C-alpha atoms as a PDB file:
ATOM      1  CA  UNK A   1      70.153 111.084 114.368  1.00  0.00           C
ATOM      2  CA  UNK A   2      71.014 108.362 111.961  1.00  0.00           C
ATOM      3  CA  UNK A   3      72.028 104.748 112.555  1.00  0.00           C
ATOM      4  CA  UNK A   4      73.196 102.086 110.147  1.00  0.00           C
ATOM      5  CA  UNK A   5      74.972  98.702 110.026  1.00  0.00           C
ATOM      6  CA  UNK A   6      78.368  98.205 108.510  1.00  0.00           C
ATOM      7  CA  UNK A   7      77.150  94.962 106.889  1.00  0.00           C
ATOM      8  CA  UNK A   8      74.728  96.939 104.828  1.00  0.00           C
ATOM      9  CA  UNK A   9      77.497  99.145 103.340  1.00  0.00           C
ATOM     10  CA  UNK A  10      79.369  98.440 100.086  1.00  0.00           C
ATOM     11  CA  UNK A  11      82.436  96.338 101.111  1.00  0.00           C
ATOM     12  CA  UNK A  12      82.613  98.291 104.423  1.00  0.00           C
ATOM     13  CA  UNK A  13      82.734 101.743 102.830  1.00  0.00           C
ATOM     14  CA  UNK A  14      80.389 103.886 104.934  1.00  0.00           C
ATOM     15  CA  UNK A  15      81.555 107.446 104.024  1.00  0.00           C
ATOM     16  CA  UNK A  16      82.069 108.422 100.376  1.00  0.00           C
ATOM     17  CA  UNK A  17      80.305 108.447  97.044  1.00  0.00           C
ATOM     18  CA  UNK A  18      78.635 105.005  97.575  1.00  0.00           C
ATOM     19  CA  UNK A  19      75.035 103.900  97.778  1.00  0.00           C
ATOM     20  CA  UNK A  20      74.295 103.479 100.610  1.00  0.00           C
ATOM     21  CA  UNK A  21      76.563 105.935 102.435  1.00  0.00           C
ATOM     22  CA  UNK A  22      76.156 107.699 105.769  1.00  0.00           C
ATOM     23  CA  UNK A  23      77.717 110.782 104.166  1.00  0.00           C
ATOM     24  CA  UNK A  24      77.950 111.087 100.404  1.00  0.00           C
ATOM     25  CA  UNK A  25      81.078 112.970  99.360  1.00  0.00           C
ATOM     26  CA  UNK A  26      83.997 112.816  96.922  1.00  0.00           C
ATOM     27  CA  UNK A  27      86.273 114.490  99.498  1.00  0.00           C
ATOM     28  CA  UNK A  28      87.042 111.325 101.468  1.00  0.00           C
ATOM     29  CA  UNK A  29      86.217 107.629 101.677  1.00  0.00           C
ATOM     30  CA  UNK A  30      86.226 105.668 104.933  1.00  0.00           C
ATOM     31  CA  UNK A  31      85.733 101.940 105.440  1.00  0.00           C
ATOM     32  CA  UNK A  32      86.010  99.233 108.040  1.00  0.00           C
ATOM     33  CA  UNK A  33      86.934  96.025 106.292  1.00  0.00           C
ATOM     34  CA  UNK A  34      86.868  92.446 107.640  1.00  0.00           C
ATOM     35  CA  UNK A  35      89.019  89.749 105.965  1.00  0.00           C
ATOM     36  CA  UNK A  36      89.475  86.013 106.302  1.00  0.00           C
ATOM     37  CA  UNK A  37      92.956  84.547 106.167  1.00  0.00           C
ATOM     38  CA  UNK A  38      93.846  84.003 102.485  1.00  0.00           C
ATOM     39  CA  UNK A  39      91.764  86.956 101.143  1.00  0.00           C
ATOM     40  CA  UNK A  40      93.722  88.800  98.441  1.00  0.00           C
ATOM     41  CA  UNK A  41      93.602  91.800  96.145  1.00  0.00           C
ATOM     42  CA  UNK A  42      95.714  91.951  93.057  1.00  0.00           C
ATOM     43  CA  UNK A  43      98.374  94.589  92.404  1.00  0.00           C
ATOM     44  CA  UNK A  44      96.911  98.050  91.844  1.00  0.00           C
ATOM     45  CA  UNK A  45      97.518 101.746  92.346  1.00  0.00           C
ATOM     46  CA  UNK A  46      95.725 105.018  92.496  1.00  0.00           C
ATOM     47  CA  UNK A  47      96.495 108.073  90.371  1.00  0.00           C
ATOM     48  CA  UNK A  48      94.673 110.587  92.536  1.00  0.00           C
ATOM     49  CA  UNK A  49      94.021 109.226  96.031  1.00  0.00           C
ATOM     50  CA  UNK A  50      96.334 108.662  98.963  1.00  0.00           C
ATOM     51  CA  UNK A  51      95.136 105.546 100.884  1.00  0.00           C
ATOM     52  CA  UNK A  52      95.701 105.055 104.615  1.00  0.00           C
ATOM     53  CA  UNK A  53      95.254 101.483 105.935  1.00  0.00           C
ATOM     54  CA  UNK A  54      95.242 100.921 109.675  1.00  0.00           C
ATOM     55  CA  UNK A  55      95.515  97.272 110.674  1.00  0.00           C
ATOM     56  CA  UNK A  56      93.164  96.999 113.673  1.00  0.00           C
ATOM     57  CA  UNK A  57      93.874  93.372 114.234  1.00  0.00           C
ATOM     58  CA  UNK A  58      95.499  90.502 112.381  1.00  0.00           C
ATOM     59  CA  UNK A  59      98.366  90.239 109.932  1.00  0.00           C
ATOM     60  CA  UNK A  60      98.387  91.457 106.341  1.00  0.00           C
ATOM     61  CA  UNK A  61     100.987  91.805 103.563  1.00  0.00           C
ATOM     62  CA  UNK A  62     101.262  94.964 101.476  1.00  0.00           C
ATOM     63  CA  UNK A  63     104.272  96.259  99.532  1.00  0.00           C
ATOM     64  CA  UNK A  64     105.916  92.869 100.102  1.00  0.00           C
ATOM     65  CA  UNK A  65     105.997  93.423 103.864  1.00  0.00           C
ATOM     66  CA  UNK A  66     104.036  92.077 106.822  1.00  0.00           C
ATOM     67  CA  UNK A  67     102.019  94.469 109.001  1.00  0.00           C
ATOM     68  CA  UNK A  68     100.050  93.802 112.167  1.00  0.00           C
ATOM     69  CA  UNK A  69      97.978  95.265 114.992  1.00  0.00           C
ATOM     70  CA  UNK A  70      98.183  99.057 115.176  1.00  0.00           C
ATOM     71  CA  UNK A  71     100.348  99.590 112.056  1.00  0.00           C
ATOM     72  CA  UNK A  72      99.372 102.156 109.470  1.00  0.00           C
ATOM     73  CA  UNK A  73     100.364 101.885 105.803  1.00  0.00           C
ATOM     74  CA  UNK A  74     100.261 104.947 103.566  1.00  0.00           C
ATOM     75  CA  UNK A  75      99.981 104.298  99.801  1.00  0.00           C
ATOM     76  CA  UNK A  76     100.538 107.474  97.884  1.00  0.00           C
ATOM     77  CA  UNK A  77      99.427 108.079  94.303  1.00  0.00           C
ATOM     78  CA  UNK A  78     101.438 105.820  91.973  1.00  0.00           C
ATOM     79  CA  UNK A  79     102.496 103.417  94.710  1.00  0.00           C
ATOM     80  CA  UNK A  80     101.788  99.856  93.467  1.00  0.00           C
ATOM     81  CA  UNK A  81     100.786  97.246  95.990  1.00  0.00           C
ATOM     82  CA  UNK A  82      98.807  94.062  96.341  1.00  0.00           C
ATOM     83  CA  UNK A  83      97.103  92.921  99.506  1.00  0.00           C
ATOM     84  CA  UNK A  84      97.135  89.514 101.227  1.00  0.00           C
ATOM     85  CA  UNK A  85      95.454  88.662 104.464  1.00  0.00           C
ATOM     86  CA  UNK A  86      97.779  86.360 106.409  1.00  0.00           C
ATOM     87  CA  UNK A  87      95.326  85.817 109.298  1.00  0.00           C
ATOM     88  CA  UNK A  88      91.738  86.881 109.909  1.00  0.00           C
ATOM     89  CA  UNK A  89      92.041  90.607 110.087  1.00  0.00           C
ATOM     90  CA  UNK A  90      90.205  93.892 110.291  1.00  0.00           C
ATOM     91  CA  UNK A  91      91.337  97.229 108.848  1.00  0.00           C
ATOM     92  CA  UNK A  92      90.191 100.830 108.672  1.00  0.00           C
ATOM     93  CA  UNK A  93      90.813 102.413 105.277  1.00  0.00           C
ATOM     94  CA  UNK A  94      90.743 106.128 104.510  1.00  0.00           C
ATOM     95  CA  UNK A  95      91.168 107.431 100.949  1.00  0.00           C
ATOM     96  CA  UNK A  96      91.746 111.115 100.297  1.00  0.00           C
ATOM     97  CA  UNK A  97      90.251 112.420  98.064  1.00  0.00           C
ATOM     98  CA  UNK A  98      87.439 109.997  97.521  1.00  0.00           C
ATOM     99  CA  UNK A  99      87.874 109.330  93.787  1.00  0.00           C
ATOM    100  CA  UNK A 100      85.509 106.843  92.263  1.00  0.00           C
ATOM    101  CA  UNK A 101      87.195 104.848  89.481  1.00  0.00           C
ATOM    102  CA  UNK A 102      90.696 105.655  90.715  1.00  0.00           C
ATOM    103  CA  UNK A 103      91.846 102.056  91.113  1.00  0.00           C
ATOM    104  CA  UNK A 104      94.198 100.799  88.318  1.00  0.00           C
ATOM    105  CA  UNK A 105      94.930  97.124  88.167  1.00  0.00           C
ATOM    106  CA  UNK A 106      98.484  96.251  87.236  1.00  0.00           C
END
């Protein structure tokens, strides 16, 4: 048995090729991310990975649209988006495959 704390993980990523990680792999990356209203990420895309973002709670803006509780956004390779947290929010993010260095800033 293993136990860990999310706060000890790299930006919420607890599965993937990170240190620390509960399961080191390049096959997939999984994170639980907590945001404060106003947090942002600039426009970017992935060449390899498909990224699934589940909004657990709160309101976010991606692809120029607002998303809230229970909505899932799928960003496929080449899709360009930024990220803005409109309220305090929590997301679950899954990237397949886990591809370190596959984030390209626009």
